[in-house]
Amino acid sequence: MTASLPADVSDALAAVLNAEGPIHAALREQVPHLGVRERCTCGCGTAYFEIDTSKVEPAPTGLGTVVAAEAQLVTETG
């Protein structure tokens, strides 16, 4: 999705945000402004993001809505 993110994170976002609809479209538009703030050190692939909200349009989810996603990716090495 963007070269500024690690490949595994970019692949996960592409899979999770692949659905059609206004919320997914708005979130895809935010990805170029997304950065990885921190990653879990246990090797699980968890990533915590940061985004400059002054540079993106909010997704049409309503006030106070939290969008959380989880995806399991299996690579050729298992």
PDB file of N, CA and C in Angstrom:
ATOM      1  N   MET A   1       0.815  -1.189   0.000  1.00  0.00           N
ATOM      2  CA  MET A   1       0.000   0.000   0.000  1.00  0.00           C
ATOM      3  C   MET A   1       0.863   1.258   0.000  1.00  0.00           C
ATOM      4  N   THR A   2       1.934   1.218   0.778  1.00  0.00           N
ATOM      5  CA  THR A   2       2.842   2.358   0.772  1.00  0.00           C
ATOM      6  C   THR A   2       4.239   1.878   1.136  1.00  0.00           C
ATOM      7  N   ALA A   3       5.214   2.463   0.517  1.00  0.00           N
ATOM      8  CA  ALA A   3       6.598   2.041   0.731  1.00  0.00           C
ATOM      9  C   ALA A   3       7.125   2.461   2.101  1.00  0.00           C
ATOM     10  N   SER A   4       6.439   3.373   2.783  1.00  0.00           N
ATOM     11  CA  SER A   4       6.949   3.845   4.070  1.00  0.00           C
ATOM     12  C   SER A   4       6.642   2.890   5.218  1.00  0.00           C
ATOM     13  N   LEU A   5       5.827   1.873   4.987  1.00  0.00           N
ATOM     14  CA  LEU A   5       5.486   0.905   6.029  1.00  0.00           C
ATOM     15  C   LEU A   5       6.243  -0.397   5.798  1.00  0.00           C
ATOM     16  N   PRO A   6       6.528  -1.134   6.877  1.00  0.00           N
ATOM     17  CA  PRO A   6       7.138  -2.464   6.687  1.00  0.00           C
ATOM     18  C   PRO A   6       6.237  -3.337   5.813  1.00  0.00           C
ATOM     19  N   ALA A   7       6.834  -4.235   5.051  1.00  0.00           N
ATOM     20  CA  ALA A   7       6.083  -5.048   4.087  1.00  0.00           C
ATOM     21  C   ALA A   7       4.961  -5.843   4.742  1.00  0.00           C
ATOM     22  N   ASP A   8       5.218  -6.431   5.916  1.00  0.00           N
ATOM     23  CA  ASP A   8       4.172  -7.230   6.551  1.00  0.00           C
ATOM     24  C   ASP A   8       2.998  -6.368   6.998  1.00  0.00           C
ATOM     25  N   VAL A   9       3.268  -5.157   7.452  1.00  0.00           N
ATOM     26  CA  VAL A   9       2.211  -4.247   7.865  1.00  0.00           C
ATOM     27  C   VAL A   9       1.420  -3.782   6.648  1.00  0.00           C
ATOM     28  N   SER A  10       2.117  -3.445   5.595  1.00  0.00           N
ATOM     29  CA  SER A  10       1.462  -3.021   4.368  1.00  0.00           C
ATOM     30  C   SER A  10       0.569  -4.133   3.813  1.00  0.00           C
ATOM     31  N   ASP A  11       1.048  -5.373   3.825  1.00  0.00           N
ATOM     32  CA  ASP A  11       0.251  -6.512   3.355  1.00  0.00           C
ATOM     33  C   ASP A  11      -0.990  -6.712   4.208  1.00  0.00           C
ATOM     34  N   ALA A  12      -0.849  -6.589   5.530  1.00  0.00           N
ATOM     35  CA  ALA A  12      -1.996  -6.754   6.428  1.00  0.00           C
ATOM     36  C   ALA A  12      -3.034  -5.665   6.191  1.00  0.00           C
ATOM     37  N   LEU A  13      -2.589  -4.421   6.042  1.00  0.00           N
ATOM     38  CA  LEU A  13      -3.529  -3.336   5.778  1.00  0.00           C
ATOM     39  C   LEU A  13      -4.243  -3.529   4.448  1.00  0.00           C
ATOM     40  N   ALA A  14      -3.515  -3.981   3.439  1.00  0.00           N
ATOM     41  CA  ALA A  14      -4.137  -4.225   2.143  1.00  0.00           C
ATOM     42  C   ALA A  14      -5.232  -5.287   2.256  1.00  0.00           C
ATOM     43  N   ALA A  15      -4.990  -6.330   3.030  1.00  0.00           N
ATOM     44  CA  ALA A  15      -5.986  -7.393   3.200  1.00  0.00           C
ATOM     45  C   ALA A  15      -7.185  -6.902   4.001  1.00  0.00           C
ATOM     46  N   VAL A  16      -6.941  -6.193   5.082  1.00  0.00           N
ATOM     47  CA  VAL A  16      -8.020  -5.746   5.965  1.00  0.00           C
ATOM     48  C   VAL A  16      -8.864  -4.654   5.312  1.00  0.00           C
ATOM     49  N   LEU A  17      -8.236  -3.769   4.548  1.00  0.00           N
ATOM     50  CA  LEU A  17      -8.951  -2.640   3.958  1.00  0.00           C
ATOM     51  C   LEU A  17      -9.407  -2.891   2.526  1.00  0.00           C
ATOM     52  N   ASN A  18      -9.406  -4.145   2.092  1.00  0.00           N
ATOM     53  CA  ASN A  18      -9.756  -4.496   0.724  1.00  0.00           C
ATOM     54  C   ASN A  18     -11.256  -4.399   0.444  1.00  0.00           C
ATOM     55  N   ALA A  19     -12.088  -4.362   1.462  1.00  0.00           N
ATOM     56  CA  ALA A  19     -13.537  -4.333   1.275  1.00  0.00           C
ATOM     57  C   ALA A  19     -13.984  -3.003   0.672  1.00  0.00           C
ATOM     58  N   GLU A  20     -15.128  -3.054   0.008  1.00  0.00           N
ATOM     59  CA  GLU A  20     -15.709  -1.834  -0.561  1.00  0.00           C
ATOM     60  C   GLU A  20     -16.542  -1.129   0.488  1.00  0.00           C
ATOM     61  N   GLY A  21     -16.764   0.122   0.286  1.00  0.00           N
ATOM     62  CA  GLY A  21     -17.591   0.910   1.188  1.00  0.00           C
ATOM     63  C   GLY A  21     -16.894   2.191   1.575  1.00  0.00           C
ATOM     64  N   PRO A  22     -17.675   3.170   2.048  1.00  0.00           N
ATOM     65  CA  PRO A  22     -17.090   4.487   2.343  1.00  0.00           C
ATOM     66  C   PRO A  22     -16.086   4.484   3.484  1.00  0.00           C
ATOM     67  N   ILE A  23     -16.288   3.642   4.497  1.00  0.00           N
ATOM     68  CA  ILE A  23     -15.350   3.611   5.615  1.00  0.00           C
ATOM     69  C   ILE A  23     -14.014   3.033   5.162  1.00  0.00           C
ATOM     70  N   HIS A  24     -14.051   1.914   4.437  1.00  0.00           N
ATOM     71  CA  HIS A  24     -12.805   1.305   3.957  1.00  0.00           C
ATOM     72  C   HIS A  24     -12.082   2.231   2.984  1.00  0.00           C
ATOM     73  N   ALA A  25     -12.831   2.906   2.127  1.00  0.00           N
ATOM     74  CA  ALA A  25     -12.220   3.837   1.172  1.00  0.00           C
ATOM     75  C   ALA A  25     -11.527   4.983   1.909  1.00  0.00           C
ATOM     76  N   ALA A  26     -12.192   5.535   2.925  1.00  0.00           N
ATOM     77  CA  ALA A  26     -11.598   6.631   3.694  1.00  0.00           C
ATOM     78  C   ALA A  26     -10.345   6.170   4.428  1.00  0.00           C
ATOM     79  N   LEU A  27     -10.382   4.968   4.991  1.00  0.00           N
ATOM     80  CA  LEU A  27      -9.208   4.454   5.685  1.00  0.00           C
ATOM     81  C   LEU A  27      -8.054   4.195   4.719  1.00  0.00           C
ATOM     82  N   ARG A  28      -8.352   3.710   3.509  1.00  0.00           N
ATOM     83  CA  ARG A  28      -7.289   3.528   2.504  1.00  0.00           C
ATOM     84  C   ARG A  28      -6.641   4.853   2.148  1.00  0.00           C
ATOM     85  N   GLU A  29      -7.430   5.918   2.116  1.00  0.00           N
ATOM     86  CA  GLU A  29      -6.887   7.255   1.822  1.00  0.00           C
ATOM     87  C   GLU A  29      -5.944   7.738   2.924  1.00  0.00           C
ATOM     88  N   GLN A  30      -6.125   7.246   4.140  1.00  0.00           N
ATOM     89  CA  GLN A  30      -5.286   7.662   5.261  1.00  0.00           C
ATOM     90  C   GLN A  30      -3.933   6.954   5.295  1.00  0.00           C
ATOM     91  N   VAL A  31      -3.826   5.803   4.657  1.00  0.00           N
ATOM     92  CA  VAL A  31      -2.628   4.960   4.759  1.00  0.00           C
ATOM     93  C   VAL A  31      -1.338   5.698   4.396  1.00  0.00           C
ATOM     94  N   PRO A  32      -1.296   6.539   3.356  1.00  0.00           N
ATOM     95  CA  PRO A  32      -0.035   7.236   3.055  1.00  0.00           C
ATOM     96  C   PRO A  32       0.451   8.138   4.193  1.00  0.00           C
ATOM     97  N   HIS A  33      -0.419   8.489   5.120  1.00  0.00           N
ATOM     98  CA  HIS A  33      -0.061   9.358   6.239  1.00  0.00           C
ATOM     99  C   HIS A  33       0.161   8.572   7.530  1.00  0.00           C
ATOM    100  N   LEU A  34       0.140   7.258   7.429  1.00  0.00           N
ATOM    101  CA  LEU A  34       0.230   6.376   8.580  1.00  0.00           C
ATOM    102  C   LEU A  34       1.675   5.993   8.850  1.00  0.00           C
ATOM    103  N   GLY A  35       2.026   5.917  10.110  1.00  0.00           N
ATOM    104  CA  GLY A  35       3.351   5.472  10.507  1.00  0.00           C
ATOM    105  C   GLY A  35       3.243   4.439  11.607  1.00  0.00           C
ATOM    106  N   VAL A  36       4.234   3.591  11.722  1.00  0.00           N
ATOM    107  CA  VAL A  36       4.274   2.609  12.800  1.00  0.00           C
ATOM    108  C   VAL A  36       4.973   3.265  13.984  1.00  0.00           C
ATOM    109  N   ARG A  37       4.244   3.428  15.075  1.00  0.00           N
ATOM    110  CA  ARG A  37       4.774   4.038  16.297  1.00  0.00           C
ATOM    111  C   ARG A  37       5.587   3.040  17.088  1.00  0.00           C
ATOM    112  N   GLU A  38       5.094   1.795  17.131  1.00  0.00           N
ATOM    113  CA  GLU A  38       5.730   0.780  17.961  1.00  0.00           C
ATOM    114  C   GLU A  38       5.292  -0.591  17.466  1.00  0.00           C
ATOM    115  N   ARG A  39       6.143  -1.604  17.704  1.00  0.00           N
ATOM    116  CA  ARG A  39       5.798  -2.984  17.375  1.00  0.00           C
ATOM    117  C   ARG A  39       6.033  -3.849  18.594  1.00  0.00           C
ATOM    118  N   CYS A  40       5.234  -4.891  18.707  1.00  0.00           N
ATOM    119  CA  CYS A  40       5.398  -5.840  19.795  1.00  0.00           C
ATOM    120  C   CYS A  40       6.741  -6.546  19.618  1.00  0.00           C
ATOM    121  N   THR A  41       7.441  -6.767  20.710  1.00  0.00           N
ATOM    122  CA  THR A  41       8.767  -7.376  20.637  1.00  0.00           C
ATOM    123  C   THR A  41       8.736  -8.900  20.711  1.00  0.00           C
ATOM    124  N   CYS A  42       7.552  -9.503  20.909  1.00  0.00           N
ATOM    125  CA  CYS A  42       7.483 -10.963  21.043  1.00  0.00           C
ATOM    126  C   CYS A  42       7.531 -11.677  19.699  1.00  0.00           C
ATOM    127  N   GLY A  43       7.421 -10.916  18.594  1.00  0.00           N
ATOM    128  CA  GLY A  43       7.454 -11.526  17.275  1.00  0.00           C
ATOM    129  C   GLY A  43       6.090 -11.801  16.684  1.00  0.00           C
ATOM    130  N   CYS A  44       5.029 -11.357  17.344  1.00  0.00           N
ATOM    131  CA  CYS A  44       3.670 -11.663  16.887  1.00  0.00           C
ATOM    132  C   CYS A  44       3.213 -10.817  15.704  1.00  0.00           C
ATOM    133  N   GLY A  45       3.861  -9.723  15.421  1.00  0.00           N
ATOM    134  CA  GLY A  45       3.471  -8.880  14.292  1.00  0.00           C
ATOM    135  C   GLY A  45       2.567  -7.720  14.654  1.00  0.00           C
ATOM    136  N   THR A  46       2.200  -7.583  15.922  1.00  0.00           N
ATOM    137  CA  THR A  46       1.348  -6.475  16.337  1.00  0.00           C
ATOM    138  C   THR A  46       2.058  -5.151  16.076  1.00  0.00           C
ATOM    139  N   ALA A  47       1.308  -4.212  15.486  1.00  0.00           N
ATOM    140  CA  ALA A  47       1.852  -2.885  15.199  1.00  0.00           C
ATOM    141  C   ALA A  47       0.903  -1.833  15.744  1.00  0.00           C
ATOM    142  N   TYR A  48       1.469  -0.799  16.343  1.00  0.00           N
ATOM    143  CA  TYR A  48       0.696   0.329  16.845  1.00  0.00           C
ATOM    144  C   TYR A  48       0.994   1.522  15.954  1.00  0.00           C
ATOM    145  N   PHE A  49      -0.052   2.184  15.496  1.00  0.00           N
ATOM    146  CA  PHE A  49       0.093   3.229  14.489  1.00  0.00           C
ATOM    147  C   PHE A  49      -0.033   4.619  15.074  1.00  0.00           C
ATOM    148  N   GLU A  50       0.480   5.579  14.313  1.00  0.00           N
ATOM    149  CA  GLU A  50       0.255   6.988  14.594  1.00  0.00           C
ATOM    150  C   GLU A  50      -0.075   7.659  13.266  1.00  0.00           C
ATOM    151  N   ILE A  51      -0.885   8.692  13.361  1.00  0.00           N
ATOM    152  CA  ILE A  51      -1.282   9.425  12.166  1.00  0.00           C
ATOM    153  C   ILE A  51      -1.517  10.882  12.538  1.00  0.00           C
ATOM    154  N   ASP A  52      -1.116  11.758  11.666  1.00  0.00           N
ATOM    155  CA  ASP A  52      -1.357  13.179  11.872  1.00  0.00           C
ATOM    156  C   ASP A  52      -2.772  13.474  11.397  1.00  0.00           C
ATOM    157  N   THR A  53      -3.692  13.606  12.324  1.00  0.00           N
ATOM    158  CA  THR A  53      -5.100  13.781  11.966  1.00  0.00           C
ATOM    159  C   THR A  53      -5.377  15.108  11.269  1.00  0.00           C
ATOM    160  N   SER A  54      -4.430  16.035  11.308  1.00  0.00           N
ATOM    161  CA  SER A  54      -4.629  17.301  10.591  1.00  0.00           C
ATOM    162  C   SER A  54      -4.400  17.144   9.092  1.00  0.00           C
ATOM    163  N   LYS A  55      -3.842  16.006   8.669  1.00  0.00           N
ATOM    164  CA  LYS A  55      -3.529  15.795   7.255  1.00  0.00           C
ATOM    165  C   LYS A  55      -4.493  14.845   6.549  1.00  0.00           C
ATOM    166  N   VAL A  56      -5.458  14.308   7.275  1.00  0.00           N
ATOM    167  CA  VAL A  56      -6.373  13.332   6.670  1.00  0.00           C
ATOM    168  C   VAL A  56      -7.824  13.688   6.980  1.00  0.00           C
ATOM    169  N   GLU A  57      -8.700  13.233   6.101  1.00  0.00           N
ATOM    170  CA  GLU A  57     -10.130  13.347   6.344  1.00  0.00           C
ATOM    171  C   GLU A  57     -10.545  12.186   7.235  1.00  0.00           C
ATOM    172  N   PRO A  58     -11.408  12.432   8.207  1.00  0.00           N
ATOM    173  CA  PRO A  58     -11.858  11.324   9.063  1.00  0.00           C
ATOM    174  C   PRO A  58     -12.749  10.352   8.286  1.00  0.00           C
ATOM    175  N   ALA A  59     -12.679   9.089   8.656  1.00  0.00           N
ATOM    176  CA  ALA A  59     -13.577   8.092   8.074  1.00  0.00           C
ATOM    177  C   ALA A  59     -14.978   8.338   8.613  1.00  0.00           C
ATOM    178  N   PRO A  60     -16.008   8.083   7.804  1.00  0.00           N
ATOM    179  CA  PRO A  60     -17.388   8.375   8.219  1.00  0.00           C
ATOM    180  C   PRO A  60     -17.944   7.326   9.184  1.00  0.00           C
ATOM    181  N   THR A  61     -17.397   7.290  10.385  1.00  0.00           N
ATOM    182  CA  THR A  61     -17.809   6.268  11.345  1.00  0.00           C
ATOM    183  C   THR A  61     -18.653   6.826  12.475  1.00  0.00           C
ATOM    184  N   GLY A  62     -18.714   8.120  12.626  1.00  0.00           N
ATOM    185  CA  GLY A  62     -19.449   8.707  13.737  1.00  0.00           C
ATOM    186  C   GLY A  62     -18.516   9.008  14.893  1.00  0.00           C
ATOM    187  N   LEU A  63     -18.920   9.907  15.743  1.00  0.00           N
ATOM    188  CA  LEU A  63     -18.090  10.313  16.877  1.00  0.00           C
ATOM    189  C   LEU A  63     -17.914   9.168  17.859  1.00  0.00           C
ATOM    190  N   GLY A  64     -16.700   9.011  18.350  1.00  0.00           N
ATOM    191  CA  GLY A  64     -16.420   8.010  19.373  1.00  0.00           C
ATOM    192  C   GLY A  64     -16.272   6.590  18.869  1.00  0.00           C
ATOM    193  N   THR A  65     -16.369   6.362  17.575  1.00  0.00           N
ATOM    194  CA  THR A  65     -16.230   5.016  17.026  1.00  0.00           C
ATOM    195  C   THR A  65     -14.764   4.660  16.907  1.00  0.00           C
ATOM    196  N   VAL A  66     -14.406   3.480  17.337  1.00  0.00           N
ATOM    197  CA  VAL A  66     -13.049   2.974  17.193  1.00  0.00           C
ATOM    198  C   VAL A  66     -13.084   1.860  16.161  1.00  0.00           C
ATOM    199  N   VAL A  67     -12.225   1.947  15.159  1.00  0.00           N
ATOM    200  CA  VAL A  67     -12.139   0.902  14.148  1.00  0.00           C
ATOM    201  C   VAL A  67     -10.924   0.053  14.475  1.00  0.00           C
ATOM    202  N   ALA A  68     -11.159  -1.194  14.811  1.00  0.00           N
ATOM    203  CA  ALA A  68     -10.077  -2.125  15.132  1.00  0.00           C
ATOM    204  C   ALA A  68     -10.122  -3.276  14.143  1.00  0.00           C
ATOM    205  N   ALA A  69      -8.968  -3.766  13.769  1.00  0.00           N
ATOM    206  CA  ALA A  69      -8.912  -4.859  12.796  1.00  0.00           C
ATOM    207  C   ALA A  69      -7.822  -5.824  13.179  1.00  0.00           C
ATOM    208  N   GLU A  70      -8.023  -7.064  12.818  1.00  0.00           N
ATOM    209  CA  GLU A  70      -7.039  -8.092  13.066  1.00  0.00           C
ATOM    210  C   GLU A  70      -7.010  -8.988  11.841  1.00  0.00           C
ATOM    211  N   ALA A  71      -5.834  -9.353  11.422  1.00  0.00           N
ATOM    212  CA  ALA A  71      -5.699 -10.240  10.274  1.00  0.00           C
ATOM    213  C   ALA A  71      -4.576 -11.228  10.552  1.00  0.00           C
ATOM    214  N   GLN A  72      -4.764 -12.451  10.158  1.00  0.00           N
ATOM    215  CA  GLN A  72      -3.713 -13.446  10.304  1.00  0.00           C
ATOM    216  C   GLN A  72      -3.145 -13.734   8.925  1.00  0.00           C
ATOM    217  N   LEU A  73      -1.849 -13.521   8.781  1.00  0.00           N
ATOM    218  CA  LEU A  73      -1.157 -13.786   7.526  1.00  0.00           C
ATOM    219  C   LEU A  73      -0.229 -14.964   7.731  1.00  0.00           C
ATOM    220  N   VAL A  74      -0.231 -15.871   6.774  1.00  0.00           N
ATOM    221  CA  VAL A  74       0.659 -17.020   6.831  1.00  0.00           C
ATOM    222  C   VAL A  74       1.618 -16.902   5.648  1.00  0.00           C
ATOM    223  N   THR A  75       2.900 -16.851   5.958  1.00  0.00           N
ATOM    224  CA  THR A  75       3.908 -16.728   4.915  1.00  0.00           C
ATOM    225  C   THR A  75       4.404 -18.103   4.494  1.00  0.00           C
ATOM    226  N   GLU A  76       5.247 -18.132   3.491  1.00  0.00           N
ATOM    227  CA  GLU A  76       5.788 -19.397   3.008  1.00  0.00           C
ATOM    228  C   GLU A  76       6.620 -20.117   4.067  1.00  0.00           C
ATOM    229  N   THR A  77       7.071 -19.371   5.076  1.00  0.00           N
ATOM    230  CA  THR A  77       7.849 -19.998   6.166  1.00  0.00           C
ATOM    231  C   THR A  77       6.975 -20.403   7.331  1.00  0.00           C
ATOM    232  N   GLY A  78       5.658 -20.226   7.186  1.00  0.00           N
ATOM    233  CA  GLY A  78       4.716 -20.645   8.213  1.00  0.00           C
ATOM    234  C   GLY A  78       4.427 -19.602   9.211  1.00  0.00           C
TER     235      GLY A  78
END
